[in-house]
Amino acid sequence: MPELDWRSPDSYKSLQDAEITDIAWECLRRNADYRREYEVMIANSPNGEVTDEFRRKWGICFRP
């Protein structure tokens, strides 16, 4: 995904009709702690799966 300029309204036109879960994901994916922990978890996972502990900590569920 290209980097968005938070100061430009044009960067967020796609979110104009977004659902709350879409907005939540946009916020979460920008969180440096989340990104760092996700990368570490995937690197340490033998099959690259997201753990239940990670899901609970960040309050998320992944679509199959």
N, C-alpha and C. Protein backbone atom coordinates (compact mmCIF):
# COMPACT_ATOMS: atom_id res chain seq x y z
N MET A 1 0.85 -1.18 0.00
CA MET A 1 0.00 0.00 0.00
C MET A 1 0.89 1.24 0.00
N PRO A 2 0.61 2.20 -0.86
CA PRO A 2 1.42 3.42 -0.88
C PRO A 2 1.26 4.22 0.40
N GLU A 3 2.28 4.97 0.73
CA GLU A 3 2.25 5.81 1.92
C GLU A 3 1.27 6.97 1.68
N LEU A 4 0.42 7.23 2.65
CA LEU A 4 -0.57 8.29 2.52
C LEU A 4 -0.09 9.54 3.24
N ASP A 5 -0.44 10.69 2.70
CA ASP A 5 -0.14 11.96 3.35
C ASP A 5 -1.32 12.34 4.22
N TRP A 6 -1.15 12.26 5.53
CA TRP A 6 -2.26 12.50 6.46
C TRP A 6 -2.81 13.91 6.36
N ARG A 7 -2.07 14.82 5.77
CA ARG A 7 -2.53 16.20 5.63
C ARG A 7 -3.38 16.41 4.39
N SER A 8 -3.41 15.44 3.50
CA SER A 8 -4.12 15.59 2.24
C SER A 8 -5.47 14.87 2.28
N PRO A 9 -6.57 15.60 2.11
CA PRO A 9 -7.89 14.95 2.08
C PRO A 9 -8.00 13.91 0.96
N ASP A 10 -7.29 14.12 -0.14
CA ASP A 10 -7.34 13.17 -1.25
C ASP A 10 -6.80 11.80 -0.86
N SER A 11 -5.90 11.75 0.10
CA SER A 11 -5.33 10.48 0.54
C SER A 11 -6.34 9.60 1.24
N TYR A 12 -7.41 10.18 1.72
CA TYR A 12 -8.37 9.43 2.52
C TYR A 12 -9.76 9.34 1.89
N LYS A 13 -9.85 9.63 0.61
CA LYS A 13 -11.15 9.54 -0.06
C LYS A 13 -11.70 8.12 0.00
N SER A 14 -10.84 7.13 -0.06
CA SER A 14 -11.30 5.74 -0.03
C SER A 14 -11.95 5.38 1.31
N LEU A 15 -11.66 6.14 2.34
CA LEU A 15 -12.23 5.87 3.66
C LEU A 15 -13.53 6.64 3.92
N GLN A 16 -13.92 7.44 2.99
CA GLN A 16 -15.13 8.26 3.17
C GLN A 16 -16.36 7.40 3.48
N ASP A 17 -16.48 6.27 2.83
CA ASP A 17 -17.63 5.39 3.05
C ASP A 17 -17.23 4.13 3.81
N ALA A 18 -16.12 4.19 4.51
CA ALA A 18 -15.60 3.02 5.22
C ALA A 18 -16.45 2.68 6.44
N GLU A 19 -16.42 1.40 6.79
CA GLU A 19 -17.07 0.94 8.01
C GLU A 19 -16.12 1.15 9.18
N ILE A 20 -16.64 1.06 10.38
CA ILE A 20 -15.84 1.30 11.58
C ILE A 20 -14.65 0.34 11.67
N THR A 21 -14.84 -0.89 11.21
CA THR A 21 -13.74 -1.86 11.25
C THR A 21 -12.61 -1.45 10.30
N ASP A 22 -12.96 -0.83 9.19
CA ASP A 22 -11.94 -0.35 8.26
C ASP A 22 -11.12 0.78 8.89
N ILE A 23 -11.81 1.67 9.58
CA ILE A 23 -11.14 2.79 10.25
C ILE A 23 -10.23 2.25 11.36
N ALA A 24 -10.74 1.28 12.12
CA ALA A 24 -9.95 0.69 13.20
C ALA A 24 -8.68 0.05 12.64
N TRP A 25 -8.80 -0.65 11.53
CA TRP A 25 -7.63 -1.29 10.92
C TRP A 25 -6.63 -0.22 10.47
N GLU A 26 -7.10 0.85 9.88
CA GLU A 26 -6.19 1.92 9.45
C GLU A 26 -5.40 2.47 10.63
N CYS A 27 -6.04 2.61 11.77
CA CYS A 27 -5.35 3.10 12.97
C CYS A 27 -4.36 2.06 13.50
N LEU A 28 -4.80 0.82 13.58
CA LEU A 28 -3.95 -0.23 14.13
C LEU A 28 -2.72 -0.47 13.28
N ARG A 29 -2.88 -0.51 11.98
CA ARG A 29 -1.73 -0.83 11.13
C ARG A 29 -0.66 0.26 11.15
N ARG A 30 -1.01 1.44 11.64
CA ARG A 30 -0.02 2.52 11.77
C ARG A 30 0.68 2.49 13.13
N ASN A 31 0.21 1.65 14.03
CA ASN A 31 0.77 1.57 15.38
C ASN A 31 2.12 0.84 15.33
N ALA A 32 3.19 1.54 15.69
CA ALA A 32 4.54 0.97 15.61
C ALA A 32 4.69 -0.25 16.51
N ASP A 33 4.09 -0.24 17.69
CA ASP A 33 4.18 -1.40 18.59
C ASP A 33 3.51 -2.62 17.97
N TYR A 34 2.33 -2.41 17.39
CA TYR A 34 1.62 -3.51 16.73
C TYR A 34 2.46 -4.09 15.60
N ARG A 35 2.98 -3.23 14.74
CA ARG A 35 3.77 -3.70 13.60
C ARG A 35 4.99 -4.48 14.06
N ARG A 36 5.66 -3.97 15.06
CA ARG A 36 6.87 -4.62 15.57
C ARG A 36 6.52 -6.00 16.16
N GLU A 37 5.49 -6.05 16.99
CA GLU A 37 5.10 -7.32 17.60
C GLU A 37 4.61 -8.33 16.56
N TYR A 38 3.91 -7.84 15.55
CA TYR A 38 3.44 -8.73 14.48
C TYR A 38 4.64 -9.36 13.75
N GLU A 39 5.61 -8.55 13.40
CA GLU A 39 6.78 -9.05 12.68
C GLU A 39 7.54 -10.08 13.52
N VAL A 40 7.70 -9.82 14.80
CA VAL A 40 8.40 -10.76 15.69
C VAL A 40 7.61 -12.05 15.80
N MET A 41 6.30 -11.94 15.97
CA MET A 41 5.46 -13.13 16.12
C MET A 41 5.53 -14.00 14.86
N ILE A 42 5.40 -13.41 13.69
CA ILE A 42 5.43 -14.16 12.44
C ILE A 42 6.81 -14.79 12.24
N ALA A 43 7.86 -14.06 12.55
CA ALA A 43 9.22 -14.58 12.41
C ALA A 43 9.46 -15.79 13.31
N ASN A 44 8.81 -15.79 14.47
CA ASN A 44 9.00 -16.88 15.44
C ASN A 44 7.98 -18.00 15.31
N SER A 45 7.03 -17.85 14.42
CA SER A 45 5.99 -18.86 14.24
C SER A 45 6.45 -19.88 13.20
N PRO A 46 6.43 -21.16 13.54
CA PRO A 46 6.90 -22.17 12.60
C PRO A 46 6.11 -22.20 11.29
N ASN A 47 4.83 -21.90 11.35
CA ASN A 47 4.02 -21.92 10.13
C ASN A 47 3.44 -20.55 9.77
N GLY A 48 3.95 -19.49 10.39
CA GLY A 48 3.53 -18.13 10.07
C GLY A 48 2.12 -17.79 10.47
N GLU A 49 1.60 -18.47 11.50
CA GLU A 49 0.23 -18.19 11.94
C GLU A 49 0.20 -17.17 13.06
N VAL A 50 -0.90 -16.45 13.12
CA VAL A 50 -1.13 -15.48 14.18
C VAL A 50 -1.61 -16.23 15.42
N THR A 51 -1.04 -15.91 16.55
CA THR A 51 -1.40 -16.62 17.79
C THR A 51 -2.65 -16.04 18.43
N ASP A 52 -3.32 -16.87 19.23
CA ASP A 52 -4.49 -16.40 19.97
C ASP A 52 -4.12 -15.30 20.95
N GLU A 53 -2.95 -15.42 21.55
CA GLU A 53 -2.48 -14.39 22.50
C GLU A 53 -2.36 -13.04 21.80
N PHE A 54 -1.80 -13.04 20.60
CA PHE A 54 -1.65 -11.80 19.82
C PHE A 54 -3.02 -11.23 19.48
N ARG A 55 -3.95 -12.07 19.06
CA ARG A 55 -5.30 -11.61 18.73
C ARG A 55 -5.97 -10.97 19.94
N ARG A 56 -5.86 -11.62 21.10
CA ARG A 56 -6.48 -11.08 22.32
C ARG A 56 -5.84 -9.75 22.71
N LYS A 57 -4.52 -9.70 22.67
CA LYS A 57 -3.81 -8.48 23.09
C LYS A 57 -4.26 -7.28 22.27
N TRP A 58 -4.38 -7.46 20.95
CA TRP A 58 -4.70 -6.33 20.08
C TRP A 58 -6.19 -6.23 19.76
N GLY A 59 -6.99 -7.16 20.28
CA GLY A 59 -8.44 -7.09 20.10
C GLY A 59 -8.86 -7.26 18.66
N ILE A 60 -8.23 -8.17 17.96
CA ILE A 60 -8.52 -8.35 16.54
C ILE A 60 -8.82 -9.81 16.21
N CYS A 61 -9.41 -9.99 15.07
CA CYS A 61 -9.56 -11.33 14.50
C CYS A 61 -9.22 -11.21 13.02
N PHE A 62 -8.63 -12.24 12.49
CA PHE A 62 -8.25 -12.22 11.09
C PHE A 62 -9.23 -13.03 10.29
N ARG A 63 -9.58 -12.51 9.15
CA ARG A 63 -10.49 -13.24 8.26
C ARG A 63 -9.76 -14.46 7.72
N PRO A 64 -10.49 -15.57 7.56
CA PRO A 64 -9.84 -16.77 7.03
C PRO A 64 -9.34 -16.57 5.61
